[in-house]
Amino acid sequence: MNKPQSPARPGGLPLVSGLMRLQRLLSELIVLAMTLLIAAEVICRALFGFSLMIVEEVGGYLLVALVFLGMGVALHDGVLFRAEFVINALGERARLILQCVFDAVCLAGMAMLSWQLGVQVYESYVRGVRAATTLATPLYLPQLFMVAGALSTALVLLSQLLEGMTRLRSPHHE
């Protein structure tokens, strides 16, 4: 299958690429932690007849962290869902313009999401909100992963937007 190179993603800023490598590693560690936690729960229930009583809560927090940290990585790597049949029908300049518009709109949305998530974390921290569970986890802790993931996704979008605009201005694309 022919997979065309996305027009606005030839490399990326080194800072963004380094951050995405770090997030990818953290995401891999989260998957490992989830696997070990679930395996421990299965072993405890099957062999010893008791539950750890925290797997659902911690697993949920880890899943949210994985999703939010994975958004930026997937976007950076160009593996998010795209309507390729539409994009491939366009010329290179039109693809670049469409990608820049997409990145700008998504950046605005991600900036608003980051702001609102930041407000939520602040309010959870100030109010001392805790989960109504055995662990009584302070909710700002898992919410921080949501903010970090949204901000890193916004950073990737900004990087790609700047890259695309630079390519549009180059004489090669005039």
Protein backbone atom coordinates (compact mmCIF):
# COMPACT_ATOMS: atom_id res chain seq x y z
CA MET A 1 0.00 0.00 0.00
CA ASN A 2 1.36 3.41 -0.96
CA LYS A 3 1.62 5.64 2.10
CA PRO A 4 2.30 9.25 1.08
CA GLN A 5 4.33 11.46 3.39
CA SER A 6 2.17 13.91 5.27
CA PRO A 7 3.00 17.35 3.90
CA ALA A 8 3.49 19.14 7.21
CA ARG A 9 5.45 16.42 9.00
CA PRO A 10 8.93 16.00 7.58
CA GLY A 11 10.77 16.14 10.90
CA GLY A 12 9.60 18.34 13.71
CA LEU A 13 11.39 20.52 16.17
CA PRO A 14 14.09 18.67 18.16
CA LEU A 15 12.53 19.78 21.46
CA VAL A 16 9.15 18.38 20.44
CA SER A 17 10.68 15.15 19.13
CA GLY A 18 12.59 14.70 22.39
CA LEU A 19 9.45 15.32 24.44
CA MET A 20 7.55 12.77 22.34
CA ARG A 21 10.27 10.16 22.91
CA LEU A 22 9.94 10.77 26.65
CA GLN A 23 6.15 10.52 26.48
CA ARG A 24 6.37 7.33 24.42
CA LEU A 25 8.62 5.79 27.08
CA LEU A 26 6.26 6.91 29.85
CA SER A 27 3.31 5.46 27.92
CA GLU A 28 5.13 2.15 27.56
CA LEU A 29 5.80 2.11 31.30
CA ILE A 30 2.12 2.84 31.96
CA VAL A 31 1.08 -0.13 29.81
CA LEU A 32 3.55 -2.31 31.70
CA ALA A 33 2.23 -1.07 35.05
CA MET A 34 -1.36 -1.75 33.98
CA THR A 35 -0.42 -5.24 32.86
CA LEU A 36 1.37 -6.03 36.12
CA LEU A 37 -1.45 -4.56 38.20
CA ILE A 38 -4.11 -6.60 36.41
CA ALA A 39 -1.96 -9.74 36.56
CA ALA A 40 -1.48 -9.25 40.31
CA GLU A 41 -5.25 -8.86 40.76
CA VAL A 42 -5.92 -12.05 38.78
CA ILE A 43 -3.33 -14.00 40.77
CA CYS A 44 -4.63 -12.70 44.11
CA ARG A 45 -8.22 -13.59 43.24
CA ALA A 46 -7.47 -16.97 41.66
CA LEU A 47 -4.88 -18.27 44.10
CA PHE A 48 -5.51 -16.45 47.36
CA GLY A 49 -9.21 -15.58 47.19
CA PHE A 50 -8.97 -11.84 47.79
CA SER A 51 -8.92 -8.65 45.76
CA LEU A 52 -6.42 -5.81 45.91
CA MET A 53 -9.43 -3.44 45.85
CA ILE A 54 -7.54 -0.76 43.91
CA VAL A 55 -7.15 -2.15 40.41
CA GLU A 56 -10.21 -0.50 38.89
CA GLU A 57 -9.30 2.92 40.29
CA VAL A 58 -5.59 2.84 39.53
CA GLY A 59 -6.20 1.16 36.17
CA GLY A 60 -8.64 3.93 35.26
CA TYR A 61 -6.13 6.62 36.20
CA LEU A 62 -3.43 4.87 34.20
CA LEU A 63 -5.75 4.53 31.20
CA VAL A 64 -6.54 8.26 31.24
CA ALA A 65 -2.82 9.05 31.50
CA LEU A 66 -2.10 6.70 28.61
CA VAL A 67 -4.75 8.25 26.37
CA PHE A 68 -3.73 11.85 27.04
CA LEU A 69 0.01 11.21 26.82
CA GLY A 70 -0.50 9.10 23.71
CA MET A 71 -2.40 11.81 21.81
CA GLY A 72 0.67 13.94 21.20
CA VAL A 73 2.84 10.94 20.36
CA ALA A 74 0.33 9.59 17.83
CA LEU A 75 -0.10 13.02 16.25
CA HIS A 76 3.66 13.56 16.09
CA ASP A 77 4.17 10.15 14.48
CA GLY A 78 1.38 10.78 11.94
CA VAL A 79 -0.64 7.71 12.94
CA LEU A 80 -3.93 9.33 13.89
CA PHE A 81 -7.01 8.67 11.78
CA ARG A 82 -7.07 10.77 8.60
CA ALA A 83 -9.32 10.89 5.55
CA GLU A 84 -6.48 9.96 3.18
CA PHE A 85 -8.77 9.53 0.18
CA VAL A 86 -9.63 13.24 0.38
CA ILE A 87 -6.12 14.43 1.20
CA ASN A 88 -4.47 12.35 -1.51
CA ALA A 89 -6.82 13.78 -4.15
CA LEU A 90 -5.37 17.25 -3.54
CA GLY A 91 -2.18 18.73 -4.90
CA GLU A 92 0.79 19.22 -2.60
CA ARG A 93 0.13 22.94 -1.98
CA ALA A 94 -3.56 22.33 -1.28
CA ARG A 95 -2.61 19.53 1.14
CA LEU A 96 -0.24 21.88 2.95
CA ILE A 97 -2.91 24.58 3.20
CA LEU A 98 -5.52 22.08 4.42
CA GLN A 99 -3.07 20.67 6.97
CA CYS A 100 -2.20 24.16 8.25
CA VAL A 101 -5.90 25.01 8.64
CA PHE A 102 -6.50 21.70 10.41
CA ASP A 103 -3.52 22.26 12.72
CA ALA A 104 -4.62 25.84 13.52
CA VAL A 105 -8.21 24.81 14.35
CA CYS A 106 -7.05 21.85 16.43
CA LEU A 107 -4.46 24.02 18.20
CA ALA A 108 -7.19 26.48 19.20
CA GLY A 109 -9.36 23.63 20.48
CA MET A 110 -6.48 22.00 22.34
CA ALA A 111 -5.49 25.33 23.91
CA MET A 112 -9.04 25.75 25.22
CA LEU A 113 -9.08 22.16 26.49
CA SER A 114 -5.70 22.67 28.19
CA TRP A 115 -6.97 25.82 29.88
CA GLN A 116 -10.16 24.17 31.14
CA LEU A 117 -8.29 21.10 32.35
CA GLY A 118 -5.82 23.38 34.13
CA VAL A 119 -8.72 25.16 35.85
CA GLN A 120 -10.14 21.77 36.87
CA VAL A 121 -6.79 20.68 38.35
CA TYR A 122 -6.46 23.96 40.24
CA GLU A 123 -9.98 23.72 41.66
CA SER A 124 -9.49 20.08 42.64
CA TYR A 125 -6.26 21.00 44.41
CA VAL A 126 -7.64 24.08 46.20
CA ARG A 127 -10.81 22.30 47.30
CA GLY A 128 -8.94 19.17 48.35
CA VAL A 129 -11.17 16.94 46.21
CA ARG A 130 -10.48 13.24 46.70
CA ALA A 131 -11.86 10.13 45.06
CA ALA A 132 -14.60 8.43 47.07
CA THR A 133 -12.65 5.17 47.00
CA THR A 134 -10.43 3.09 49.25
CA LEU A 135 -7.34 5.02 48.16
CA ALA A 136 -9.00 8.45 48.48
CA THR A 137 -6.71 9.70 45.72
CA PRO A 138 -6.39 13.48 45.47
CA LEU A 139 -8.01 14.00 42.07
CA TYR A 140 -5.60 16.67 40.93
CA LEU A 141 -2.89 13.99 40.62
CA PRO A 142 -4.47 11.96 37.79
CA GLN A 143 -5.87 15.18 36.31
CA LEU A 144 -2.32 16.49 35.90
CA PHE A 145 -1.72 13.84 33.24
CA MET A 146 -4.67 15.21 31.30
CA VAL A 147 -3.19 18.71 31.35
CA ALA A 148 0.29 17.45 30.43
CA GLY A 149 -1.08 15.42 27.53
CA ALA A 150 -3.25 18.25 26.22
CA LEU A 151 -0.36 20.73 26.44
CA SER A 152 2.04 18.38 24.68
CA THR A 153 -0.52 17.77 21.94
CA ALA A 154 -0.89 21.54 21.56
CA LEU A 155 2.89 21.81 21.31
CA VAL A 156 2.96 19.20 18.54
CA LEU A 157 0.18 21.04 16.71
CA LEU A 158 2.05 24.33 17.03
CA SER A 159 5.25 22.72 15.76
CA GLN A 160 3.44 21.22 12.78
CA LEU A 161 1.64 24.47 12.03
CA LEU A 162 4.90 26.43 12.02
CA GLU A 163 6.55 23.77 9.88
CA GLY A 164 3.68 23.79 7.38
CA MET A 165 3.64 27.58 7.18
CA THR A 166 7.40 27.61 6.58
CA ARG A 167 7.00 25.10 3.78
CA LEU A 168 4.16 27.13 2.25
CA ARG A 169 6.38 30.23 2.18
CA SER A 170 9.28 28.45 0.52
CA PRO A 171 9.79 29.21 -3.20
CA HIS A 172 9.36 25.51 -4.00
CA HIS A 173 5.64 25.74 -3.10
CA GLU A 174 4.82 29.07 -4.80
